[in-house]
N, C-alpha and C. Protein backbone atom coordinates (compact mmCIF):
# COMPACT_ATOMS: atom_id res chain seq x y z
N MET A 1 -30.05 -0.52 -8.42
CA MET A 1 -29.30 -1.03 -9.55
C MET A 1 -27.81 -0.67 -9.45
N ILE A 2 -27.54 0.57 -9.02
CA ILE A 2 -26.15 1.00 -8.88
C ILE A 2 -25.44 0.16 -7.82
N ALA A 3 -26.13 -0.12 -6.73
CA ALA A 3 -25.54 -0.95 -5.67
C ALA A 3 -25.19 -2.33 -6.20
N LEU A 4 -26.03 -2.89 -7.05
CA LEU A 4 -25.77 -4.20 -7.64
C LEU A 4 -24.54 -4.15 -8.54
N ILE A 5 -24.40 -3.09 -9.31
CA ILE A 5 -23.23 -2.93 -10.18
C ILE A 5 -21.95 -2.83 -9.34
N LYS A 6 -22.01 -2.08 -8.24
CA LYS A 6 -20.86 -1.96 -7.34
C LYS A 6 -20.46 -3.31 -6.77
N GLN A 7 -21.46 -4.09 -6.35
CA GLN A 7 -21.18 -5.41 -5.79
C GLN A 7 -20.56 -6.33 -6.84
N PHE A 8 -21.08 -6.27 -8.06
CA PHE A 8 -20.53 -7.09 -9.13
C PHE A 8 -19.08 -6.69 -9.42
N ARG A 9 -18.81 -5.38 -9.47
CA ARG A 9 -17.46 -4.89 -9.74
C ARG A 9 -16.49 -5.40 -8.67
N PHE A 10 -16.88 -5.30 -7.41
CA PHE A 10 -16.01 -5.76 -6.33
C PHE A 10 -15.79 -7.27 -6.43
N PHE A 11 -16.85 -8.02 -6.70
CA PHE A 11 -16.74 -9.47 -6.86
C PHE A 11 -15.77 -9.79 -8.00
N TYR A 12 -15.92 -9.11 -9.13
CA TYR A 12 -15.04 -9.33 -10.28
C TYR A 12 -13.58 -9.06 -9.92
N LEU A 13 -13.32 -7.94 -9.25
CA LEU A 13 -11.94 -7.60 -8.89
C LEU A 13 -11.35 -8.61 -7.91
N LYS A 14 -12.08 -8.88 -6.83
CA LYS A 14 -11.54 -9.72 -5.76
C LYS A 14 -11.47 -11.20 -6.14
N LYS A 15 -12.51 -11.72 -6.75
CA LYS A 15 -12.59 -13.17 -7.00
C LYS A 15 -12.02 -13.60 -8.35
N LEU A 16 -12.00 -12.70 -9.33
CA LEU A 16 -11.52 -13.10 -10.65
C LEU A 16 -10.19 -12.44 -11.01
N LYS A 17 -10.19 -11.13 -11.12
CA LYS A 17 -8.99 -10.43 -11.59
C LYS A 17 -7.84 -10.52 -10.59
N TRP A 18 -8.12 -10.37 -9.31
CA TRP A 18 -7.08 -10.37 -8.28
C TRP A 18 -7.11 -11.64 -7.44
N ARG A 19 -7.55 -12.74 -7.97
CA ARG A 19 -7.75 -13.96 -7.18
C ARG A 19 -6.47 -14.52 -6.59
N LYS A 20 -5.33 -14.25 -7.19
CA LYS A 20 -4.08 -14.80 -6.63
C LYS A 20 -3.56 -14.00 -5.44
N TYR A 21 -4.22 -12.89 -5.13
CA TYR A 21 -3.82 -12.06 -4.00
C TYR A 21 -4.75 -12.32 -2.82
N THR A 22 -4.25 -12.09 -1.60
CA THR A 22 -5.05 -12.25 -0.39
C THR A 22 -5.59 -10.89 0.01
N ILE A 23 -6.91 -10.77 0.03
CA ILE A 23 -7.55 -9.49 0.31
C ILE A 23 -8.51 -9.66 1.48
N GLY A 24 -8.37 -8.79 2.48
CA GLY A 24 -9.20 -8.85 3.68
C GLY A 24 -10.61 -8.31 3.45
N LYS A 25 -11.34 -8.17 4.55
CA LYS A 25 -12.73 -7.70 4.50
C LYS A 25 -12.78 -6.18 4.33
N ASN A 26 -13.89 -5.72 3.77
CA ASN A 26 -14.22 -4.29 3.71
C ASN A 26 -13.21 -3.46 2.94
N MET A 27 -12.83 -3.93 1.77
CA MET A 27 -11.90 -3.17 0.93
C MET A 27 -12.68 -2.19 0.07
N TYR A 28 -12.21 -0.96 0.00
CA TYR A 28 -12.81 0.09 -0.82
C TYR A 28 -11.87 0.31 -1.99
N VAL A 29 -12.36 0.14 -3.20
CA VAL A 29 -11.51 0.20 -4.39
C VAL A 29 -11.97 1.34 -5.30
N GLY A 30 -11.10 2.31 -5.52
CA GLY A 30 -11.40 3.39 -6.45
C GLY A 30 -11.29 2.92 -7.90
N ARG A 31 -11.66 3.79 -8.79
CA ARG A 31 -11.59 3.46 -10.22
C ARG A 31 -10.14 3.41 -10.69
N ARG A 32 -9.93 2.59 -11.70
CA ARG A 32 -8.65 2.46 -12.38
C ARG A 32 -7.50 2.11 -11.42
N VAL A 33 -7.78 1.24 -10.47
CA VAL A 33 -6.75 0.74 -9.55
C VAL A 33 -6.10 -0.47 -10.21
N TYR A 34 -4.77 -0.54 -10.13
CA TYR A 34 -4.02 -1.60 -10.78
C TYR A 34 -3.17 -2.33 -9.74
N LEU A 35 -3.30 -3.65 -9.68
CA LEU A 35 -2.48 -4.48 -8.79
C LEU A 35 -1.70 -5.49 -9.62
N TRP A 36 -0.40 -5.60 -9.35
CA TRP A 36 0.42 -6.63 -9.96
C TRP A 36 1.59 -6.92 -9.03
N ALA A 37 1.92 -8.18 -8.88
CA ALA A 37 3.08 -8.58 -8.09
C ALA A 37 3.68 -9.84 -8.68
N LYS A 38 4.98 -9.96 -8.58
CA LYS A 38 5.67 -11.16 -9.06
C LYS A 38 5.19 -12.39 -8.27
N GLU A 39 5.07 -12.25 -6.95
CA GLU A 39 4.68 -13.38 -6.12
C GLU A 39 3.36 -13.15 -5.38
N LYS A 40 3.30 -12.09 -4.53
CA LYS A 40 2.09 -11.97 -3.71
C LYS A 40 1.82 -10.53 -3.28
N ILE A 41 0.55 -10.28 -3.07
CA ILE A 41 0.07 -9.08 -2.40
C ILE A 41 -0.89 -9.57 -1.32
N THR A 42 -0.66 -9.14 -0.09
CA THR A 42 -1.54 -9.48 1.01
C THR A 42 -2.07 -8.18 1.60
N ILE A 43 -3.40 -8.05 1.66
CA ILE A 43 -4.04 -6.83 2.13
C ILE A 43 -4.94 -7.17 3.31
N GLY A 44 -4.82 -6.41 4.38
CA GLY A 44 -5.62 -6.62 5.58
C GLY A 44 -7.03 -6.08 5.45
N ASP A 45 -7.73 -6.02 6.58
CA ASP A 45 -9.12 -5.56 6.62
C ASP A 45 -9.20 -4.03 6.58
N ASN A 46 -10.34 -3.55 6.09
CA ASN A 46 -10.67 -2.12 6.07
C ASN A 46 -9.62 -1.30 5.32
N PHE A 47 -9.25 -1.77 4.15
CA PHE A 47 -8.27 -1.07 3.31
C PHE A 47 -9.01 -0.20 2.31
N TYR A 48 -8.58 1.05 2.20
CA TYR A 48 -9.15 2.00 1.24
C TYR A 48 -8.05 2.35 0.25
N ILE A 49 -8.31 2.13 -1.04
CA ILE A 49 -7.34 2.50 -2.08
C ILE A 49 -8.05 3.40 -3.08
N GLY A 50 -7.59 4.64 -3.16
CA GLY A 50 -8.21 5.64 -4.01
C GLY A 50 -7.96 5.42 -5.49
N ARG A 51 -8.69 6.17 -6.29
CA ARG A 51 -8.64 6.01 -7.75
C ARG A 51 -7.23 6.26 -8.30
N ASP A 52 -6.96 5.60 -9.42
CA ASP A 52 -5.70 5.74 -10.15
C ASP A 52 -4.47 5.33 -9.34
N SER A 53 -4.66 4.53 -8.32
CA SER A 53 -3.53 4.03 -7.53
C SER A 53 -3.03 2.72 -8.11
N GLN A 54 -1.79 2.39 -7.80
CA GLN A 54 -1.25 1.13 -8.31
C GLN A 54 -0.25 0.53 -7.34
N ILE A 55 -0.29 -0.79 -7.29
CA ILE A 55 0.67 -1.57 -6.52
C ILE A 55 1.34 -2.50 -7.53
N GLU A 56 2.65 -2.35 -7.71
CA GLU A 56 3.36 -3.12 -8.71
C GLU A 56 4.58 -3.83 -8.13
N THR A 57 4.43 -4.34 -6.93
CA THR A 57 5.52 -5.08 -6.30
C THR A 57 4.93 -5.96 -5.20
N ASP A 58 5.66 -6.96 -4.79
CA ASP A 58 5.20 -7.80 -3.68
C ASP A 58 5.08 -6.95 -2.43
N CYS A 59 3.96 -7.10 -1.73
CA CYS A 59 3.78 -6.30 -0.52
C CYS A 59 2.78 -6.93 0.44
N ILE A 60 2.89 -6.47 1.68
CA ILE A 60 1.95 -6.83 2.73
C ILE A 60 1.42 -5.52 3.29
N ILE A 61 0.11 -5.38 3.31
CA ILE A 61 -0.54 -4.18 3.81
C ILE A 61 -1.41 -4.58 4.99
N GLY A 62 -1.29 -3.86 6.10
CA GLY A 62 -2.02 -4.18 7.32
C GLY A 62 -3.47 -3.74 7.29
N ASP A 63 -4.07 -3.70 8.47
CA ASP A 63 -5.47 -3.31 8.64
C ASP A 63 -5.60 -1.80 8.78
N ASN A 64 -6.77 -1.30 8.38
CA ASN A 64 -7.13 0.11 8.57
C ASN A 64 -6.13 1.06 7.92
N VAL A 65 -5.78 0.76 6.68
CA VAL A 65 -4.83 1.56 5.92
C VAL A 65 -5.58 2.34 4.84
N ILE A 66 -5.15 3.58 4.62
CA ILE A 66 -5.76 4.43 3.60
C ILE A 66 -4.70 4.82 2.57
N PHE A 67 -4.99 4.58 1.30
CA PHE A 67 -4.21 5.13 0.18
C PHE A 67 -5.10 6.18 -0.47
N ALA A 68 -4.66 7.42 -0.50
CA ALA A 68 -5.39 8.46 -1.22
C ALA A 68 -5.30 8.15 -2.72
N ASN A 69 -5.83 9.01 -3.55
CA ASN A 69 -5.76 8.83 -5.00
C ASN A 69 -4.31 8.92 -5.49
N LYS A 70 -4.03 8.19 -6.55
CA LYS A 70 -2.75 8.23 -7.28
C LYS A 70 -1.53 7.84 -6.44
N VAL A 71 -1.72 6.96 -5.48
CA VAL A 71 -0.60 6.41 -4.71
C VAL A 71 0.00 5.26 -5.50
N ALA A 72 1.32 5.12 -5.46
CA ALA A 72 1.98 4.03 -6.19
C ALA A 72 3.02 3.35 -5.31
N ILE A 73 3.02 2.03 -5.36
CA ILE A 73 4.12 1.24 -4.78
C ILE A 73 4.81 0.60 -5.97
N VAL A 74 6.07 0.96 -6.19
CA VAL A 74 6.78 0.52 -7.39
C VAL A 74 8.13 -0.08 -7.03
N GLY A 75 8.65 -0.91 -7.93
CA GLY A 75 9.90 -1.61 -7.68
C GLY A 75 11.13 -0.76 -7.94
N LYS A 76 12.15 -0.95 -7.10
CA LYS A 76 13.44 -0.26 -7.29
C LYS A 76 14.26 -0.93 -8.39
N TYR A 77 14.11 -2.23 -8.52
CA TYR A 77 14.98 -2.99 -9.41
C TYR A 77 14.18 -3.76 -10.46
N ASP A 78 13.20 -3.14 -11.03
CA ASP A 78 12.34 -3.83 -11.99
C ASP A 78 13.03 -4.10 -13.33
N HIS A 79 14.04 -3.32 -13.66
CA HIS A 79 14.81 -3.51 -14.89
C HIS A 79 16.28 -3.67 -14.52
N HIS A 80 16.94 -4.62 -15.14
CA HIS A 80 18.36 -4.87 -14.86
C HIS A 80 19.18 -3.84 -15.64
N TYR A 81 19.25 -2.64 -15.08
CA TYR A 81 19.87 -1.51 -15.79
C TYR A 81 21.40 -1.59 -15.82
N GLN A 82 22.02 -2.55 -15.13
CA GLN A 82 23.47 -2.71 -15.16
C GLN A 82 23.91 -3.91 -16.00
N LYS A 83 23.00 -4.51 -16.73
CA LYS A 83 23.32 -5.66 -17.59
C LYS A 83 24.17 -5.16 -18.76
N LEU A 84 25.41 -5.59 -18.80
CA LEU A 84 26.35 -5.10 -19.80
C LEU A 84 25.88 -5.40 -21.22
N GLY A 85 25.96 -4.38 -22.07
CA GLY A 85 25.62 -4.53 -23.47
C GLY A 85 24.14 -4.44 -23.79
N TRP A 86 23.29 -4.39 -22.78
CA TRP A 86 21.85 -4.38 -23.00
C TRP A 86 21.27 -2.97 -22.81
N PRO A 87 20.57 -2.45 -23.80
CA PRO A 87 19.83 -1.20 -23.56
C PRO A 87 18.77 -1.47 -22.49
N ILE A 88 18.48 -0.50 -21.66
CA ILE A 88 17.52 -0.71 -20.56
C ILE A 88 16.20 -1.28 -21.07
N ARG A 89 15.71 -0.78 -22.17
CA ARG A 89 14.41 -1.22 -22.70
C ARG A 89 14.41 -2.71 -23.04
N LEU A 90 15.57 -3.26 -23.42
CA LEU A 90 15.65 -4.66 -23.83
C LEU A 90 16.22 -5.57 -22.74
N ALA A 91 16.74 -4.99 -21.68
CA ALA A 91 17.36 -5.76 -20.60
C ALA A 91 16.32 -6.62 -19.88
N PRO A 92 16.78 -7.68 -19.21
CA PRO A 92 15.84 -8.50 -18.43
C PRO A 92 15.07 -7.63 -17.44
N ARG A 93 13.82 -8.01 -17.22
CA ARG A 93 12.97 -7.24 -16.31
C ARG A 93 12.17 -8.17 -15.42
N ILE A 94 11.54 -7.60 -14.42
CA ILE A 94 10.88 -8.38 -13.38
C ILE A 94 9.80 -9.32 -13.92
N ARG A 95 9.15 -8.96 -14.99
CA ARG A 95 8.06 -9.80 -15.51
C ARG A 95 8.57 -11.04 -16.25
N ASN A 96 9.89 -11.07 -16.55
CA ASN A 96 10.45 -12.27 -17.16
C ASN A 96 10.45 -13.40 -16.15
N LYS A 97 10.15 -14.60 -16.60
CA LYS A 97 9.97 -15.75 -15.70
C LYS A 97 11.18 -16.01 -14.82
N HIS A 98 12.37 -15.96 -15.36
CA HIS A 98 13.57 -16.32 -14.60
C HIS A 98 14.40 -15.09 -14.20
N TYR A 99 13.78 -13.96 -14.11
CA TYR A 99 14.48 -12.72 -13.73
C TYR A 99 15.01 -12.82 -12.31
N SER A 100 16.26 -12.45 -12.15
CA SER A 100 16.86 -12.46 -10.82
C SER A 100 17.90 -11.35 -10.77
N TRP A 101 17.75 -10.47 -9.80
CA TRP A 101 18.71 -9.39 -9.61
C TRP A 101 18.55 -8.86 -8.21
N LYS A 102 19.46 -8.01 -7.78
CA LYS A 102 19.43 -7.50 -6.41
C LYS A 102 18.08 -6.87 -6.08
N GLY A 103 17.66 -7.08 -4.86
CA GLY A 103 16.42 -6.46 -4.41
C GLY A 103 15.15 -7.12 -4.86
N LEU A 104 15.26 -8.14 -5.68
CA LEU A 104 14.05 -8.74 -6.25
C LEU A 104 13.13 -9.30 -5.18
N ASN A 105 13.68 -9.90 -4.16
CA ASN A 105 12.85 -10.55 -3.15
C ASN A 105 12.50 -9.65 -1.96
N GLN A 106 12.69 -8.37 -2.12
CA GLN A 106 12.33 -7.44 -1.05
C GLN A 106 10.83 -7.20 -1.06
N ILE A 107 10.21 -7.44 0.07
CA ILE A 107 8.77 -7.23 0.18
C ILE A 107 8.53 -5.88 0.85
N THR A 108 7.62 -5.11 0.31
CA THR A 108 7.22 -3.85 0.91
C THR A 108 6.19 -4.16 1.99
N VAL A 109 6.36 -3.56 3.16
CA VAL A 109 5.44 -3.79 4.28
C VAL A 109 4.86 -2.45 4.72
N ILE A 110 3.54 -2.40 4.78
CA ILE A 110 2.84 -1.24 5.32
C ILE A 110 2.02 -1.75 6.48
N GLU A 111 2.38 -1.34 7.68
CA GLU A 111 1.72 -1.85 8.88
C GLU A 111 0.35 -1.20 9.08
N ASP A 112 -0.33 -1.56 10.16
CA ASP A 112 -1.68 -1.08 10.46
C ASP A 112 -1.73 0.44 10.67
N ASP A 113 -2.92 1.00 10.42
CA ASP A 113 -3.23 2.39 10.77
C ASP A 113 -2.28 3.38 10.09
N VAL A 114 -2.09 3.22 8.79
CA VAL A 114 -1.21 4.10 8.02
C VAL A 114 -2.05 4.86 7.00
N TRP A 115 -1.71 6.12 6.77
CA TRP A 115 -2.38 6.95 5.77
C TRP A 115 -1.32 7.44 4.79
N ILE A 116 -1.48 7.08 3.53
CA ILE A 116 -0.57 7.50 2.46
C ILE A 116 -1.28 8.59 1.66
N GLY A 117 -0.69 9.78 1.60
CA GLY A 117 -1.32 10.92 0.96
C GLY A 117 -1.29 10.88 -0.57
N TYR A 118 -2.06 11.76 -1.16
CA TYR A 118 -2.25 11.87 -2.61
C TYR A 118 -0.91 11.91 -3.36
N GLY A 119 -0.79 11.03 -4.34
CA GLY A 119 0.36 11.05 -5.23
C GLY A 119 1.67 10.58 -4.62
N ALA A 120 1.64 10.01 -3.45
CA ALA A 120 2.88 9.52 -2.83
C ALA A 120 3.38 8.28 -3.57
N ILE A 121 4.69 8.11 -3.58
CA ILE A 121 5.33 6.96 -4.21
C ILE A 121 6.13 6.23 -3.14
N ILE A 122 5.94 4.92 -3.08
CA ILE A 122 6.65 4.08 -2.12
C ILE A 122 7.50 3.10 -2.92
N MET A 123 8.80 3.13 -2.70
CA MET A 123 9.70 2.23 -3.41
C MET A 123 9.70 0.86 -2.73
N SER A 124 9.90 -0.18 -3.52
CA SER A 124 9.84 -1.55 -2.99
C SER A 124 10.89 -1.79 -1.92
N GLY A 125 10.54 -2.71 -1.02
CA GLY A 125 11.47 -3.14 0.02
C GLY A 125 11.47 -2.31 1.28
N VAL A 126 10.66 -1.25 1.33
CA VAL A 126 10.63 -0.43 2.55
C VAL A 126 9.55 -0.93 3.50
N LYS A 127 9.68 -0.51 4.75
CA LYS A 127 8.69 -0.84 5.77
C LYS A 127 8.16 0.47 6.34
N ILE A 128 6.85 0.69 6.17
CA ILE A 128 6.19 1.84 6.77
C ILE A 128 5.53 1.32 8.03
N GLN A 129 6.02 1.79 9.16
CA GLN A 129 5.58 1.23 10.43
C GLN A 129 4.25 1.79 10.89
N LYS A 130 3.69 1.12 11.86
CA LYS A 130 2.34 1.39 12.37
C LYS A 130 2.12 2.87 12.69
N GLY A 131 0.95 3.36 12.27
CA GLY A 131 0.52 4.69 12.65
C GLY A 131 1.12 5.84 11.87
N CYS A 132 1.90 5.57 10.84
CA CYS A 132 2.55 6.64 10.08
C CYS A 132 1.58 7.37 9.17
N ILE A 133 1.94 8.61 8.88
CA ILE A 133 1.26 9.40 7.86
C ILE A 133 2.32 9.82 6.86
N ILE A 134 2.04 9.60 5.57
CA ILE A 134 2.95 9.98 4.50
C ILE A 134 2.29 11.13 3.75
N ALA A 135 2.96 12.28 3.71
CA ALA A 135 2.38 13.48 3.10
C ALA A 135 2.21 13.31 1.59
N ALA A 136 1.28 14.07 1.04
CA ALA A 136 1.01 14.05 -0.40
C ALA A 136 2.28 14.35 -1.18
N GLY A 137 2.49 13.60 -2.27
CA GLY A 137 3.61 13.83 -3.15
C GLY A 137 4.96 13.34 -2.66
N SER A 138 5.01 12.67 -1.53
CA SER A 138 6.27 12.20 -0.96
C SER A 138 6.78 10.97 -1.69
N VAL A 139 8.09 10.76 -1.61
CA VAL A 139 8.72 9.55 -2.16
C VAL A 139 9.43 8.85 -1.00
N ILE A 140 8.93 7.66 -0.65
CA ILE A 140 9.48 6.89 0.46
C ILE A 140 10.52 5.92 -0.09
N THR A 141 11.77 6.11 0.33
CA THR A 141 12.86 5.26 -0.14
C THR A 141 13.49 4.43 0.98
N LYS A 142 13.14 4.75 2.24
CA LYS A 142 13.71 4.06 3.40
C LYS A 142 12.62 3.74 4.40
N ASP A 143 12.94 2.82 5.32
CA ASP A 143 11.99 2.45 6.38
C ASP A 143 11.64 3.66 7.24
N THR A 144 10.44 3.62 7.81
CA THR A 144 9.99 4.70 8.69
C THR A 144 9.99 4.23 10.14
N GLU A 145 9.76 5.16 11.03
CA GLU A 145 9.57 4.86 12.45
C GLU A 145 8.07 4.92 12.74
N PRO A 146 7.59 4.19 13.75
CA PRO A 146 6.15 4.18 14.03
C PRO A 146 5.63 5.54 14.50
N TYR A 147 4.39 5.82 14.14
CA TYR A 147 3.65 7.02 14.57
C TYR A 147 4.40 8.32 14.26
N GLN A 148 4.93 8.40 13.06
CA GLN A 148 5.62 9.61 12.62
C GLN A 148 4.98 10.11 11.33
N ILE A 149 5.19 11.38 11.02
CA ILE A 149 4.72 11.98 9.78
C ILE A 149 5.95 12.23 8.91
N TYR A 150 5.87 11.77 7.65
CA TYR A 150 6.98 11.92 6.70
C TYR A 150 6.51 12.71 5.49
N GLY A 151 7.45 13.46 4.89
CA GLY A 151 7.12 14.20 3.69
C GLY A 151 8.38 14.57 2.92
N GLY A 152 8.21 14.85 1.63
CA GLY A 152 9.31 15.31 0.78
C GLY A 152 9.80 14.25 -0.18
N ASN A 153 10.83 14.64 -0.96
CA ASN A 153 11.43 13.76 -1.95
C ASN A 153 12.95 13.91 -1.88
N PRO A 154 13.66 12.93 -1.32
CA PRO A 154 13.13 11.76 -0.62
C PRO A 154 12.50 12.17 0.71
N ALA A 155 11.57 11.36 1.18
CA ALA A 155 10.82 11.70 2.39
C ALA A 155 11.72 11.69 3.62
N LYS A 156 11.45 12.67 4.47
CA LYS A 156 12.14 12.78 5.76
C LYS A 156 11.10 12.91 6.85
N LYS A 157 11.49 12.57 8.07
CA LYS A 157 10.58 12.70 9.20
C LYS A 157 10.32 14.18 9.43
N ILE A 158 9.01 14.54 9.50
CA ILE A 158 8.60 15.93 9.72
C ILE A 158 8.27 16.17 11.19
N ALA A 159 7.49 15.27 11.75
CA ALA A 159 7.02 15.44 13.13
C ALA A 159 6.42 14.14 13.62
N PRO A 160 6.29 14.00 14.94
CA PRO A 160 5.54 12.85 15.46
C PRO A 160 4.05 13.05 15.17
N ARG A 161 3.33 11.95 15.03
CA ARG A 161 1.89 12.03 14.78
C ARG A 161 1.15 12.64 15.97
N PHE A 162 1.59 12.34 17.15
CA PHE A 162 0.96 12.87 18.37
C PHE A 162 1.93 13.82 19.07
N GLU A 163 1.37 14.82 19.73
CA GLU A 163 2.19 15.87 20.33
C GLU A 163 3.02 15.40 21.52
N SER A 164 2.56 14.38 22.22
CA SER A 164 3.30 13.91 23.40
C SER A 164 3.25 12.39 23.49
N GLN A 165 4.16 11.83 24.27
CA GLN A 165 4.16 10.38 24.51
C GLN A 165 2.88 9.97 25.23
N GLU A 166 2.38 10.84 26.07
CA GLU A 166 1.13 10.54 26.79
C GLU A 166 -0.03 10.42 25.80
N ASP A 167 -0.09 11.34 24.82
CA ASP A 167 -1.14 11.25 23.79
C ASP A 167 -1.02 9.95 23.01
N LEU A 168 0.20 9.56 22.68
CA LEU A 168 0.42 8.30 21.95
C LEU A 168 -0.06 7.11 22.77
N LYS A 169 0.28 7.07 24.05
CA LYS A 169 -0.16 5.97 24.92
C LYS A 169 -1.69 5.93 25.01
N ASN A 170 -2.31 7.10 25.15
CA ASN A 170 -3.77 7.17 25.20
C ASN A 170 -4.39 6.71 23.89
N HIS A 171 -3.78 7.10 22.77
CA HIS A 171 -4.28 6.66 21.46
C HIS A 171 -4.26 5.14 21.35
N ILE A 172 -3.16 4.55 21.72
CA ILE A 172 -3.01 3.09 21.62
C ILE A 172 -4.05 2.39 22.50
N ALA A 173 -4.27 2.89 23.70
CA ALA A 173 -5.27 2.29 24.60
C ALA A 173 -6.68 2.46 24.05
N LEU A 174 -7.00 3.66 23.59
CA LEU A 174 -8.35 3.92 23.05
C LEU A 174 -8.59 3.17 21.74
N GLU A 175 -7.54 3.05 20.93
CA GLU A 175 -7.67 2.35 19.65
C GLU A 175 -8.13 0.90 19.86
N LYS A 176 -7.60 0.24 20.88
CA LYS A 176 -8.00 -1.14 21.16
C LYS A 176 -9.49 -1.22 21.46
N GLU A 177 -10.00 -0.28 22.23
CA GLU A 177 -11.44 -0.24 22.56
C GLU A 177 -12.28 0.01 21.32
N ILE A 178 -11.86 0.97 20.51
CA ILE A 178 -12.62 1.31 19.30
C ILE A 178 -12.63 0.15 18.32
N LEU A 179 -11.49 -0.52 18.15
CA LEU A 179 -11.43 -1.66 17.24
C LEU A 179 -12.32 -2.81 17.71
N LYS A 180 -12.41 -3.02 19.03
CA LYS A 180 -13.32 -4.06 19.54
C LYS A 180 -14.76 -3.75 19.16
N LYS A 181 -15.15 -2.49 19.26
CA LYS A 181 -16.53 -2.08 18.94
C LYS A 181 -16.82 -2.18 17.45
N HIS A 182 -15.80 -2.05 16.62
CA HIS A 182 -16.00 -2.02 15.18
C HIS A 182 -15.58 -3.31 14.47
N GLN A 183 -15.51 -4.42 15.19
CA GLN A 183 -15.11 -5.68 14.58
C GLN A 183 -16.03 -6.08 13.44
N ASN A 184 -17.27 -5.74 13.52
CA ASN A 184 -18.23 -6.11 12.48
C ASN A 184 -18.51 -4.97 11.52
N TYR A 185 -17.59 -4.03 11.42
CA TYR A 185 -17.74 -2.88 10.53
C TYR A 185 -17.97 -3.34 9.10
N LYS A 186 -18.97 -2.77 8.47
CA LYS A 186 -19.28 -3.10 7.07
C LYS A 186 -18.92 -1.90 6.21
N GLY A 187 -17.71 -1.87 5.73
CA GLY A 187 -17.23 -0.74 4.93
C GLY A 187 -17.78 -0.75 3.52
N VAL A 188 -17.56 0.34 2.83
CA VAL A 188 -17.95 0.45 1.42
C VAL A 188 -16.99 -0.40 0.61
N LYS A 189 -17.50 -1.11 -0.37
CA LYS A 189 -16.66 -2.03 -1.13
C LYS A 189 -16.12 -1.45 -2.42
N SER A 190 -16.74 -0.44 -2.97
CA SER A 190 -16.21 0.15 -4.20
C SER A 190 -16.78 1.54 -4.40
N LEU A 191 -16.12 2.29 -5.24
CA LEU A 191 -16.59 3.64 -5.55
C LEU A 191 -17.80 3.62 -6.47
N LYS A 192 -18.44 4.76 -6.60
CA LYS A 192 -19.60 4.90 -7.50
C LYS A 192 -19.18 4.70 -8.93
């Protein structure tokens, strides 16, 4: 019975509530996850999004990406805070139909094989490149380099993901083999 409820929940989220978004296969959705975008959200295969996470900006997320609990992707320019004479609360905002201001059309990109740690915040318009790890509680305000570990507020590069270039080359070669074997992977679709 519980399995049936999980399947219904995933069907409801993917086919009804989030139908305007493109969602790949084998998505794992934690409780109280919130998605909203002005135009689009595109999510690749084998995406895990932990509970209480939210995506509130246009974005593209690659394959085999993990969001821990309480991860947020939020807009830098959601409120026109420089609109003369307007209090911020009353100023034009992104949800208004004809809203237009700097940064509005910036799409956030998270490439394949990325792990975003607990409570991290990603500001709109950045690109997190392939293989990155973002430490818990970090705030990403700028683009990253591939296969690096970032942490802090604002986040800075801490270390490479692999200890040597040889390890990185071996990882890339082995990853291709592993992905071929797991093409038919049947991931969990929702939390309990």
